[in-house]
Amino acid sequence: MKTQIIKINPALIEVDKIKSIAGILKNQGVIAYPTDTFYGLGTDCFSREAIKRVYQLKKRQEAKPLSVMVSNSEQVREIAVEIPPSFWILSREFWPGPLTLVFKASSLLPQELLGPSQTIGVRLPALSWLRELIEEAKFPITATSANISGEREIAYVERVIQVFWGKVDLIVDGGKTPGKKPSTILDLTQKTPKILREGAIPEAKLRKYMQV
Protein backbone atom coordinates (compact mmCIF):
# COMPACT_ATOMS: atom_id res chain seq x y z
CA MET A 1 0.00 0.00 0.00
CA LYS A 2 1.19 3.51 -0.80
CA THR A 3 1.04 5.74 2.27
CA GLN A 4 0.61 9.48 1.84
CA ILE A 5 1.91 12.07 4.30
CA ILE A 6 0.24 15.42 4.86
CA LYS A 7 2.08 17.82 7.16
CA ILE A 8 -0.13 20.11 9.25
CA ASN A 9 0.19 22.70 11.96
CA PRO A 10 -2.17 21.43 14.71
CA ALA A 11 -2.65 25.00 15.91
CA LEU A 12 -4.18 26.07 12.59
CA ILE A 13 -7.22 25.15 10.50
CA GLU A 14 -5.79 24.56 7.03
CA VAL A 15 -8.95 24.10 4.98
CA ASP A 16 -7.46 22.50 1.86
CA LYS A 17 -5.51 19.95 3.88
CA ILE A 18 -8.55 19.15 6.01
CA LYS A 19 -10.61 18.53 2.88
CA SER A 20 -7.93 16.19 1.51
CA ILE A 21 -7.78 14.21 4.77
CA ALA A 22 -11.57 14.04 4.98
CA GLY A 23 -11.68 12.73 1.41
CA ILE A 24 -9.57 9.74 2.41
CA LEU A 25 -11.83 9.06 5.39
CA LYS A 26 -14.93 9.27 3.19
CA ASN A 27 -13.43 6.56 0.98
CA GLN A 28 -13.09 4.24 3.99
CA GLY A 29 -9.39 4.98 4.31
CA VAL A 30 -7.44 4.60 7.56
CA ILE A 31 -5.31 7.49 8.80
CA ALA A 32 -2.79 7.99 11.59
CA TYR A 33 -3.31 11.45 13.07
CA PRO A 34 -2.19 13.62 16.01
CA THR A 35 -4.56 14.20 18.92
CA ASP A 36 -4.32 16.28 22.10
CA THR A 37 -2.67 13.26 23.79
CA PHE A 38 -0.99 10.80 21.37
CA TYR A 39 -1.31 9.74 17.73
CA GLY A 40 -4.49 7.84 16.87
CA LEU A 41 -5.81 5.62 14.08
CA GLY A 42 -8.87 7.12 12.46
CA THR A 43 -11.50 5.83 10.09
CA ASP A 44 -15.26 6.09 9.48
CA CYS A 45 -16.94 4.69 12.59
CA PHE A 46 -19.82 3.38 10.44
CA SER A 47 -17.61 1.37 8.03
CA ARG A 48 -17.32 -2.30 8.98
CA GLU A 49 -14.49 -2.99 6.55
CA ALA A 50 -12.43 0.01 7.65
CA ILE A 51 -12.90 -0.88 11.31
CA LYS A 52 -11.71 -4.42 10.63
CA ARG A 53 -8.56 -2.94 9.09
CA VAL A 54 -7.89 -0.95 12.25
CA TYR A 55 -8.13 -4.10 14.37
CA GLN A 56 -5.77 -5.90 12.02
CA LEU A 57 -3.27 -3.02 12.01
CA LYS A 58 -3.20 -2.87 15.79
CA LYS A 59 -3.33 -6.67 16.20
CA ARG A 60 -6.10 -5.91 18.65
CA GLN A 61 -8.51 -8.48 20.08
CA GLU A 62 -11.95 -8.03 18.56
CA ALA A 63 -13.53 -8.27 22.01
CA LYS A 64 -11.94 -4.90 22.88
CA PRO A 65 -14.11 -2.02 21.57
CA LEU A 66 -12.75 1.09 19.86
CA SER A 67 -13.53 4.64 20.99
CA VAL A 68 -14.45 7.50 18.65
CA MET A 69 -13.95 11.26 18.27
CA VAL A 70 -16.85 13.66 17.66
CA SER A 71 -16.88 17.24 16.41
CA ASN A 72 -19.39 18.54 18.98
CA SER A 73 -21.48 17.37 21.93
CA GLU A 74 -24.66 17.06 19.87
CA GLN A 75 -23.03 14.46 17.62
CA VAL A 76 -23.13 12.04 20.56
CA ARG A 77 -26.86 11.62 19.86
CA GLU A 78 -25.99 9.92 16.53
CA ILE A 79 -24.04 7.09 18.15
CA ALA A 80 -25.29 6.69 21.73
CA VAL A 81 -28.58 5.91 23.45
CA GLU A 82 -29.86 6.43 26.99
CA ILE A 83 -27.65 9.49 27.37
CA PRO A 84 -27.77 10.44 31.08
CA PRO A 85 -28.15 14.02 32.37
CA SER A 86 -24.64 13.74 33.84
CA PHE A 87 -23.23 13.79 30.31
CA TRP A 88 -24.28 17.37 29.66
CA ILE A 89 -22.73 18.50 32.95
CA LEU A 90 -19.47 16.64 32.32
CA SER A 91 -19.22 17.73 28.70
CA ARG A 92 -19.67 21.38 29.62
CA GLU A 93 -16.89 21.08 32.21
CA PHE A 94 -14.32 18.86 30.48
CA TRP A 95 -14.96 18.97 26.71
CA PRO A 96 -13.13 19.67 24.52
CA GLY A 97 -10.41 17.70 26.27
CA PRO A 98 -8.93 14.30 27.16
CA LEU A 99 -12.03 12.74 28.71
CA THR A 100 -13.57 9.69 27.03
CA LEU A 101 -17.18 9.07 28.10
CA VAL A 102 -18.71 5.62 27.69
CA PHE A 103 -22.36 5.22 26.64
CA LYS A 104 -24.70 2.46 25.55
CA ALA A 105 -24.21 2.27 21.80
CA SER A 106 -26.74 3.04 19.09
CA SER A 107 -27.85 0.12 16.94
CA LEU A 108 -26.59 2.14 13.93
CA LEU A 109 -22.98 1.41 14.88
CA PRO A 110 -21.27 -1.70 13.47
CA GLN A 111 -20.92 -4.61 15.85
CA GLU A 112 -17.21 -4.73 14.99
CA LEU A 113 -16.73 -1.37 16.74
CA LEU A 114 -18.43 -2.28 19.99
CA GLY A 115 -17.23 -5.61 21.31
CA PRO A 116 -19.45 -7.66 23.65
CA SER A 117 -20.17 -4.70 25.93
CA GLN A 118 -22.37 -2.95 23.32
CA THR A 119 -20.97 0.37 24.52
CA ILE A 120 -19.13 3.19 22.81
CA GLY A 121 -16.44 5.49 24.21
CA VAL A 122 -16.68 9.07 22.92
CA ARG A 123 -14.30 12.00 23.12
CA LEU A 124 -14.37 15.61 21.91
CA PRO A 125 -10.77 16.57 21.09
CA ALA A 126 -9.23 19.83 22.23
CA LEU A 127 -7.67 20.44 18.79
CA SER A 128 -9.81 22.71 16.62
CA TRP A 129 -8.36 21.32 13.36
CA LEU A 130 -9.44 17.83 14.39
CA ARG A 131 -12.96 18.92 15.23
CA GLU A 132 -13.09 20.65 11.84
CA LEU A 133 -11.91 17.44 10.15
CA ILE A 134 -14.68 15.41 11.76
CA GLU A 135 -17.19 18.09 10.80
CA GLU A 136 -15.95 17.97 7.19
CA ALA A 137 -16.09 14.15 7.11
CA LYS A 138 -19.66 14.27 8.52
CA PHE A 139 -19.18 11.24 10.79
CA PRO A 140 -17.27 10.45 14.00
CA ILE A 141 -13.88 8.81 13.50
CA THR A 142 -12.18 6.09 15.50
CA ALA A 143 -9.85 7.35 18.21
CA THR A 144 -7.88 4.26 19.19
CA SER A 145 -4.18 4.89 19.81
CA ALA A 146 -1.82 4.45 16.85
CA ASN A 147 0.22 1.57 18.23
CA ILE A 148 0.33 -2.20 18.28
CA SER A 149 -1.87 -3.53 21.10
CA GLY A 150 0.12 -3.95 24.27
CA GLU A 151 2.82 -1.47 23.22
CA ARG A 152 3.26 2.12 24.40
CA GLU A 153 1.31 5.00 22.90
CA ILE A 154 3.17 7.06 20.29
CA ALA A 155 3.78 10.82 20.53
CA TYR A 156 6.38 11.17 17.73
CA VAL A 157 5.45 11.09 14.05
CA GLU A 158 8.78 9.44 13.22
CA ARG A 159 7.73 6.41 15.25
CA VAL A 160 4.28 6.39 13.61
CA ILE A 161 6.01 6.25 10.22
CA GLN A 162 8.21 3.35 11.36
CA VAL A 163 5.22 1.32 12.55
CA PHE A 164 2.54 2.15 9.98
CA TRP A 165 4.30 3.12 6.74
CA GLY A 166 2.81 1.09 3.90
CA LYS A 167 -0.06 -0.04 6.13
CA VAL A 168 -2.30 3.04 6.45
CA ASP A 169 -3.59 5.28 3.66
CA LEU A 170 -2.36 8.50 5.23
CA ILE A 171 -0.15 9.75 8.04
CA VAL A 172 -1.03 13.25 9.22
CA ASP A 173 2.26 14.74 10.38
CA GLY A 174 1.54 17.12 13.22
CA GLY A 175 4.94 16.80 14.82
CA LYS A 176 5.17 15.71 18.44
CA THR A 177 1.88 15.43 20.34
CA PRO A 178 1.54 16.49 24.01
CA GLY A 179 1.80 12.86 25.11
CA LYS A 180 2.21 12.31 28.87
CA LYS A 181 -1.04 10.49 29.67
CA PRO A 182 -3.92 9.06 27.59
CA SER A 183 -7.48 10.26 28.06
CA THR A 184 -9.35 9.41 31.23
CA ILE A 185 -12.24 6.98 30.59
CA LEU A 186 -15.48 7.46 32.52
CA ASP A 187 -18.34 4.97 32.22
CA LEU A 188 -21.80 6.60 32.13
CA THR A 189 -23.78 3.41 31.46
CA GLN A 190 -24.52 2.79 35.14
CA LYS A 191 -26.46 4.87 37.64
CA THR A 192 -23.21 6.08 39.20
CA PRO A 193 -20.40 7.15 36.83
CA LYS A 194 -17.29 4.98 37.18
CA ILE A 195 -13.69 5.63 36.16
CA LEU A 196 -12.40 2.81 33.95
CA ARG A 197 -8.99 4.40 33.35
CA GLU A 198 -7.43 7.37 35.09
CA GLY A 199 -5.44 9.41 32.60
CA ALA A 200 -4.90 13.07 31.74
CA ILE A 201 -7.84 14.17 33.92
CA PRO A 202 -7.21 12.96 37.50
CA GLU A 203 -9.85 11.24 39.58
CA ALA A 204 -9.79 14.12 42.06
CA LYS A 205 -11.23 16.48 39.43
CA LEU A 206 -14.04 14.07 38.59
CA ARG A 207 -14.97 12.93 42.06
CA LYS A 208 -17.68 15.52 42.66
CA TYR A 209 -19.38 14.45 39.42
CA MET A 210 -19.46 10.78 40.31
CA GLN A 211 -22.76 11.12 42.16
CA VAL A 212 -24.50 13.27 39.52
C-alpha atoms as a PDB file:
ATOM      1  CA  MET A   1       0.000   0.000   0.000  1.00  0.00           C
ATOM      2  CA  LYS A   2       1.189   3.510  -0.797  1.00  0.00           C
ATOM      3  CA  THR A   3       1.041   5.738   2.269  1.00  0.00           C
ATOM      4  CA  GLN A   4       0.615   9.478   1.841  1.00  0.00           C
ATOM      5  CA  ILE A   5       1.910  12.065   4.304  1.00  0.00           C
ATOM      6  CA  ILE A   6       0.243  15.421   4.862  1.00  0.00           C
ATOM      7  CA  LYS A   7       2.081  17.816   7.159  1.00  0.00           C
ATOM      8  CA  ILE A   8      -0.127  20.106   9.248  1.00  0.00           C
ATOM      9  CA  ASN A   9       0.189  22.701  11.960  1.00  0.00           C
ATOM     10  CA  PRO A  10      -2.165  21.435  14.709  1.00  0.00           C
ATOM     11  CA  ALA A  11      -2.650  25.003  15.914  1.00  0.00           C
ATOM     12  CA  LEU A  12      -4.178  26.070  12.585  1.00  0.00           C
ATOM     13  CA  ILE A  13      -7.217  25.153  10.499  1.00  0.00           C
ATOM     14  CA  GLU A  14      -5.793  24.560   7.027  1.00  0.00           C
ATOM     15  CA  VAL A  15      -8.949  24.100   4.975  1.00  0.00           C
ATOM     16  CA  ASP A  16      -7.463  22.500   1.862  1.00  0.00           C
ATOM     17  CA  LYS A  17      -5.510  19.950   3.883  1.00  0.00           C
ATOM     18  CA  ILE A  18      -8.545  19.147   6.014  1.00  0.00           C
ATOM     19  CA  LYS A  19     -10.610  18.525   2.884  1.00  0.00           C
ATOM     20  CA  SER A  20      -7.932  16.194   1.514  1.00  0.00           C
ATOM     21  CA  ILE A  21      -7.777  14.213   4.768  1.00  0.00           C
ATOM     22  CA  ALA A  22     -11.570  14.041   4.981  1.00  0.00           C
ATOM     23  CA  GLY A  23     -11.681  12.734   1.409  1.00  0.00           C
ATOM     24  CA  ILE A  24      -9.574   9.740   2.407  1.00  0.00           C
ATOM     25  CA  LEU A  25     -11.828   9.056   5.388  1.00  0.00           C
ATOM     26  CA  LYS A  26     -14.928   9.274   3.186  1.00  0.00           C
ATOM     27  CA  ASN A  27     -13.428   6.560   0.976  1.00  0.00           C
ATOM     28  CA  GLN A  28     -13.092   4.242   3.991  1.00  0.00           C
ATOM     29  CA  GLY A  29      -9.389   4.977   4.314  1.00  0.00           C
ATOM     30  CA  VAL A  30      -7.438   4.600   7.564  1.00  0.00           C
ATOM     31  CA  ILE A  31      -5.312   7.487   8.797  1.00  0.00           C
ATOM     32  CA  ALA A  32      -2.787   7.987  11.591  1.00  0.00           C
ATOM     33  CA  TYR A  33      -3.311  11.446  13.071  1.00  0.00           C
ATOM     34  CA  PRO A  34      -2.192  13.619  16.012  1.00  0.00           C
ATOM     35  CA  THR A  35      -4.564  14.195  18.915  1.00  0.00           C
ATOM     36  CA  ASP A  36      -4.319  16.277  22.096  1.00  0.00           C
ATOM     37  CA  THR A  37      -2.667  13.264  23.789  1.00  0.00           C
ATOM     38  CA  PHE A  38      -0.985  10.800  21.371  1.00  0.00           C
ATOM     39  CA  TYR A  39      -1.312   9.736  17.729  1.00  0.00           C
ATOM     40  CA  GLY A  40      -4.488   7.837  16.871  1.00  0.00           C
ATOM     41  CA  LEU A  41      -5.812   5.616  14.083  1.00  0.00           C
ATOM     42  CA  GLY A  42      -8.873   7.123  12.465  1.00  0.00           C
ATOM     43  CA  THR A  43     -11.503   5.829  10.094  1.00  0.00           C
ATOM     44  CA  ASP A  44     -15.255   6.091   9.476  1.00  0.00           C
ATOM     45  CA  CYS A  45     -16.940   4.690  12.586  1.00  0.00           C
ATOM     46  CA  PHE A  46     -19.818   3.382  10.437  1.00  0.00           C
ATOM     47  CA  SER A  47     -17.614   1.371   8.034  1.00  0.00           C
ATOM     48  CA  ARG A  48     -17.324  -2.302   8.977  1.00  0.00           C
ATOM     49  CA  GLU A  49     -14.488  -2.985   6.546  1.00  0.00           C
ATOM     50  CA  ALA A  50     -12.434   0.011   7.654  1.00  0.00           C
ATOM     51  CA  ILE A  51     -12.900  -0.878  11.312  1.00  0.00           C
ATOM     52  CA  LYS A  52     -11.711  -4.424  10.630  1.00  0.00           C
ATOM     53  CA  ARG A  53      -8.561  -2.941   9.090  1.00  0.00           C
ATOM     54  CA  VAL A  54      -7.891  -0.950  12.248  1.00  0.00           C
ATOM     55  CA  TYR A  55      -8.129  -4.100  14.370  1.00  0.00           C
ATOM     56  CA  GLN A  56      -5.768  -5.896  12.015  1.00  0.00           C
ATOM     57  CA  LEU A  57      -3.272  -3.020  12.011  1.00  0.00           C
ATOM     58  CA  LYS A  58      -3.196  -2.875  15.791  1.00  0.00           C
ATOM     59  CA  LYS A  59      -3.326  -6.669  16.203  1.00  0.00           C
ATOM     60  CA  ARG A  60      -6.105  -5.914  18.654  1.00  0.00           C
ATOM     61  CA  GLN A  61      -8.506  -8.483  20.076  1.00  0.00           C
ATOM     62  CA  GLU A  62     -11.948  -8.030  18.559  1.00  0.00           C
ATOM     63  CA  ALA A  63     -13.528  -8.266  22.011  1.00  0.00           C
ATOM     64  CA  LYS A  64     -11.941  -4.904  22.883  1.00  0.00           C
ATOM     65  CA  PRO A  65     -14.106  -2.023  21.568  1.00  0.00           C
ATOM     66  CA  LEU A  66     -12.752   1.094  19.855  1.00  0.00           C
ATOM     67  CA  SER A  67     -13.529   4.636  20.988  1.00  0.00           C
ATOM     68  CA  VAL A  68     -14.448   7.505  18.651  1.00  0.00           C
ATOM     69  CA  MET A  69     -13.955  11.258  18.268  1.00  0.00           C
ATOM     70  CA  VAL A  70     -16.848  13.656  17.655  1.00  0.00           C
ATOM     71  CA  SER A  71     -16.879  17.243  16.409  1.00  0.00           C
ATOM     72  CA  ASN A  72     -19.388  18.539  18.984  1.00  0.00           C
ATOM     73  CA  SER A  73     -21.479  17.371  21.930  1.00  0.00           C
ATOM     74  CA  GLU A  74     -24.656  17.064  19.874  1.00  0.00           C
ATOM     75  CA  GLN A  75     -23.026  14.458  17.617  1.00  0.00           C
ATOM     76  CA  VAL A  76     -23.134  12.043  20.561  1.00  0.00           C
ATOM     77  CA  ARG A  77     -26.860  11.622  19.859  1.00  0.00           C
ATOM     78  CA  GLU A  78     -25.992   9.921  16.531  1.00  0.00           C
ATOM     79  CA  ILE A  79     -24.037   7.094  18.154  1.00  0.00           C
ATOM     80  CA  ALA A  80     -25.287   6.692  21.731  1.00  0.00           C
ATOM     81  CA  VAL A  81     -28.583   5.906  23.445  1.00  0.00           C
ATOM     82  CA  GLU A  82     -29.860   6.433  26.987  1.00  0.00           C
ATOM     83  CA  ILE A  83     -27.646   9.493  27.368  1.00  0.00           C
ATOM     84  CA  PRO A  84     -27.775  10.437  31.083  1.00  0.00           C
ATOM     85  CA  PRO A  85     -28.151  14.021  32.369  1.00  0.00           C
ATOM     86  CA  SER A  86     -24.642  13.741  33.845  1.00  0.00           C
ATOM     87  CA  PHE A  87     -23.234  13.790  30.306  1.00  0.00           C
ATOM     88  CA  TRP A  88     -24.276  17.366  29.661  1.00  0.00           C
ATOM     89  CA  ILE A  89     -22.728  18.504  32.951  1.00  0.00           C
ATOM     90  CA  LEU A  90     -19.475  16.641  32.319  1.00  0.00           C
ATOM     91  CA  SER A  91     -19.220  17.725  28.698  1.00  0.00           C
ATOM     92  CA  ARG A  92     -19.668  21.380  29.624  1.00  0.00           C
ATOM     93  CA  GLU A  93     -16.895  21.077  32.215  1.00  0.00           C
ATOM     94  CA  PHE A  94     -14.320  18.857  30.478  1.00  0.00           C
ATOM     95  CA  TRP A  95     -14.961  18.966  26.713  1.00  0.00           C
ATOM     96  CA  PRO A  96     -13.127  19.668  24.522  1.00  0.00           C
ATOM     97  CA  GLY A  97     -10.407  17.698  26.275  1.00  0.00           C
ATOM     98  CA  PRO A  98      -8.930  14.296  27.159  1.00  0.00           C
ATOM     99  CA  LEU A  99     -12.032  12.736  28.712  1.00  0.00           C
ATOM    100  CA  THR A 100     -13.575   9.685  27.025  1.00  0.00           C
ATOM    101  CA  LEU A 101     -17.177   9.073  28.095  1.00  0.00           C
ATOM    102  CA  VAL A 102     -18.713   5.623  27.689  1.00  0.00           C
ATOM    103  CA  PHE A 103     -22.363   5.220  26.639  1.00  0.00           C
ATOM    104  CA  LYS A 104     -24.698   2.465  25.552  1.00  0.00           C
ATOM    105  CA  ALA A 105     -24.209   2.273  21.797  1.00  0.00           C
ATOM    106  CA  SER A 106     -26.736   3.043  19.092  1.00  0.00           C
ATOM    107  CA  SER A 107     -27.845   0.122  16.936  1.00  0.00           C
ATOM    108  CA  LEU A 108     -26.587   2.138  13.933  1.00  0.00           C
ATOM    109  CA  LEU A 109     -22.975   1.408  14.877  1.00  0.00           C
ATOM    110  CA  PRO A 110     -21.271  -1.702  13.471  1.00  0.00           C
ATOM    111  CA  GLN A 111     -20.917  -4.610  15.854  1.00  0.00           C
ATOM    112  CA  GLU A 112     -17.208  -4.725  14.994  1.00  0.00           C
ATOM    113  CA  LEU A 113     -16.735  -1.367  16.742  1.00  0.00           C
ATOM    114  CA  LEU A 114     -18.430  -2.284  19.995  1.00  0.00           C
ATOM    115  CA  GLY A 115     -17.231  -5.612  21.308  1.00  0.00           C
ATOM    116  CA  PRO A 116     -19.452  -7.655  23.648  1.00  0.00           C
ATOM    117  CA  SER A 117     -20.173  -4.696  25.930  1.00  0.00           C
ATOM    118  CA  GLN A 118     -22.370  -2.949  23.323  1.00  0.00           C
ATOM    119  CA  THR A 119     -20.966   0.366  24.522  1.00  0.00           C
ATOM    120  CA  ILE A 120     -19.132   3.190  22.812  1.00  0.00           C
ATOM    121  CA  GLY A 121     -16.444   5.491  24.208  1.00  0.00           C
ATOM    122  CA  VAL A 122     -16.676   9.069  22.917  1.00  0.00           C
ATOM    123  CA  ARG A 123     -14.296  12.000  23.116  1.00  0.00           C
ATOM    124  CA  LEU A 124     -14.372  15.613  21.914  1.00  0.00           C
ATOM    125  CA  PRO A 125     -10.769  16.570  21.090  1.00  0.00           C
ATOM    126  CA  ALA A 126      -9.226  19.829  22.235  1.00  0.00           C
ATOM    127  CA  LEU A 127      -7.666  20.443  18.793  1.00  0.00           C
ATOM    128  CA  SER A 128      -9.815  22.707  16.620  1.00  0.00           C
ATOM    129  CA  TRP A 129      -8.360  21.322  13.363  1.00  0.00           C
ATOM    130  CA  LEU A 130      -9.440  17.828  14.394  1.00  0.00           C
ATOM    131  CA  ARG A 131     -12.964  18.921  15.235  1.00  0.00           C
ATOM    132  CA  GLU A 132     -13.090  20.652  11.845  1.00  0.00           C
ATOM    133  CA  LEU A 133     -11.913  17.441  10.153  1.00  0.00           C
ATOM    134  CA  ILE A 134     -14.679  15.406  11.758  1.00  0.00           C
ATOM    135  CA  GLU A 135     -17.191  18.095  10.795  1.00  0.00           C
ATOM    136  CA  GLU A 136     -15.950  17.969   7.189  1.00  0.00           C
ATOM    137  CA  ALA A 137     -16.094  14.153   7.111  1.00  0.00           C
ATOM    138  CA  LYS A 138     -19.661  14.269   8.518  1.00  0.00           C
ATOM    139  CA  PHE A 139     -19.177  11.245  10.789  1.00  0.00           C
ATOM    140  CA  PRO A 140     -17.274  10.445  14.003  1.00  0.00           C
ATOM    141  CA  ILE A 141     -13.885   8.806  13.496  1.00  0.00           C
ATOM    142  CA  THR A 142     -12.181   6.089  15.503  1.00  0.00           C
ATOM    143  CA  ALA A 143      -9.853   7.347  18.212  1.00  0.00           C
ATOM    144  CA  THR A 144      -7.879   4.263  19.185  1.00  0.00           C
ATOM    145  CA  SER A 145      -4.181   4.888  19.806  1.00  0.00           C
ATOM    146  CA  ALA A 146      -1.817   4.450  16.851  1.00  0.00           C
ATOM    147  CA  ASN A 147       0.218   1.569  18.230  1.00  0.00           C
ATOM    148  CA  ILE A 148       0.332  -2.199  18.283  1.00  0.00           C
ATOM    149  CA  SER A 149      -1.869  -3.528  21.097  1.00  0.00           C
ATOM    150  CA  GLY A 150       0.115  -3.946  24.275  1.00  0.00           C
ATOM    151  CA  GLU A 151       2.823  -1.471  23.225  1.00  0.00           C
ATOM    152  CA  ARG A 152       3.262   2.119  24.400  1.00  0.00           C
ATOM    153  CA  GLU A 153       1.309   5.001  22.899  1.00  0.00           C
ATOM    154  CA  ILE A 154       3.166   7.063  20.292  1.00  0.00           C
ATOM    155  CA  ALA A 155       3.781  10.817  20.527  1.00  0.00           C
ATOM    156  CA  TYR A 156       6.376  11.173  17.732  1.00  0.00           C
ATOM    157  CA  VAL A 157       5.450  11.088  14.048  1.00  0.00           C
ATOM    158  CA  GLU A 158       8.785   9.436  13.224  1.00  0.00           C
ATOM    159  CA  ARG A 159       7.732   6.407  15.254  1.00  0.00           C
ATOM    160  CA  VAL A 160       4.283   6.394  13.610  1.00  0.00           C
ATOM    161  CA  ILE A 161       6.008   6.249  10.215  1.00  0.00           C
ATOM    162  CA  GLN A 162       8.207   3.353  11.364  1.00  0.00           C
ATOM    163  CA  VAL A 163       5.216   1.322  12.552  1.00  0.00           C
ATOM    164  CA  PHE A 164       2.545   2.152   9.983  1.00  0.00           C
ATOM    165  CA  TRP A 165       4.301   3.122   6.737  1.00  0.00           C
ATOM    166  CA  GLY A 166       2.814   1.089   3.896  1.00  0.00           C
ATOM    167  CA  LYS A 167      -0.062  -0.038   6.132  1.00  0.00           C
ATOM    168  CA  VAL A 168      -2.296   3.035   6.446  1.00  0.00           C
ATOM    169  CA  ASP A 169      -3.586   5.276   3.664  1.00  0.00           C
ATOM    170  CA  LEU A 170      -2.358   8.503   5.228  1.00  0.00           C
ATOM    171  CA  ILE A 171      -0.151   9.748   8.041  1.00  0.00           C
ATOM    172  CA  VAL A 172      -1.028  13.248   9.223  1.00  0.00           C
ATOM    173  CA  ASP A 173       2.260  14.738  10.382  1.00  0.00           C
ATOM    174  CA  GLY A 174       1.535  17.124  13.221  1.00  0.00           C
ATOM    175  CA  GLY A 175       4.938  16.799  14.819  1.00  0.00           C
ATOM    176  CA  LYS A 176       5.172  15.713  18.440  1.00  0.00           C
ATOM    177  CA  THR A 177       1.884  15.432  20.341  1.00  0.00           C
ATOM    178  CA  PRO A 178       1.537  16.493  24.014  1.00  0.00           C
ATOM    179  CA  GLY A 179       1.797  12.856  25.108  1.00  0.00           C
ATOM    180  CA  LYS A 180       2.212  12.311  28.870  1.00  0.00           C
ATOM    181  CA  LYS A 181      -1.044  10.491  29.669  1.00  0.00           C
ATOM    182  CA  PRO A 182      -3.924   9.056  27.585  1.00  0.00           C
ATOM    183  CA  SER A 183      -7.480  10.257  28.059  1.00  0.00           C
ATOM    184  CA  THR A 184      -9.354   9.405  31.231  1.00  0.00           C
ATOM    185  CA  ILE A 185     -12.238   6.983  30.586  1.00  0.00           C
ATOM    186  CA  LEU A 186     -15.478   7.464  32.515  1.00  0.00           C
ATOM    187  CA  ASP A 187     -18.342   4.970  32.217  1.00  0.00           C
ATOM    188  CA  LEU A 188     -21.801   6.598  32.132  1.00  0.00           C
ATOM    189  CA  THR A 189     -23.780   3.413  31.462  1.00  0.00           C
ATOM    190  CA  GLN A 190     -24.519   2.795  35.139  1.00  0.00           C
ATOM    191  CA  LYS A 191     -26.456   4.871  37.642  1.00  0.00           C
ATOM    192  CA  THR A 192     -23.206   6.083  39.201  1.00  0.00           C
ATOM    193  CA  PRO A 193     -20.401   7.152  36.831  1.00  0.00           C
ATOM    194  CA  LYS A 194     -17.292   4.981  37.182  1.00  0.00           C
ATOM    195  CA  ILE A 195     -13.691   5.631  36.162  1.00  0.00           C
ATOM    196  CA  LEU A 196     -12.399   2.813  33.951  1.00  0.00           C
ATOM    197  CA  ARG A 197      -8.994   4.403  33.350  1.00  0.00           C
ATOM    198  CA  GLU A 198      -7.427   7.372  35.091  1.00  0.00           C
ATOM    199  CA  GLY A 199      -5.439   9.412  32.602  1.00  0.00           C
ATOM    200  CA  ALA A 200      -4.905  13.068  31.736  1.00  0.00           C
ATOM    201  CA  ILE A 201      -7.838  14.170  33.917  1.00  0.00           C
ATOM    202  CA  PRO A 202      -7.209  12.956  37.503  1.00  0.00           C
ATOM    203  CA  GLU A 203      -9.850  11.243  39.582  1.00  0.00           C
ATOM    204  CA  ALA A 204      -9.786  14.121  42.060  1.00  0.00           C
ATOM    205  CA  LYS A 205     -11.230  16.479  39.427  1.00  0.00           C
ATOM    206  CA  LEU A 206     -14.039  14.067  38.587  1.00  0.00           C
ATOM    207  CA  ARG A 207     -14.975  12.926  42.059  1.00  0.00           C
ATOM    208  CA  LYS A 208     -17.678  15.519  42.665  1.00  0.00           C
ATOM    209  CA  TYR A 209     -19.382  14.451  39.420  1.00  0.00           C
ATOM    210  CA  MET A 210     -19.457  10.778  40.311  1.00  0.00           C
ATOM    211  CA  GLN A 211     -22.756  11.117  42.156  1.00  0.00           C
ATOM    212  CA  VAL A 212     -24.500  13.269  39.521  1.00  0.00           C
END
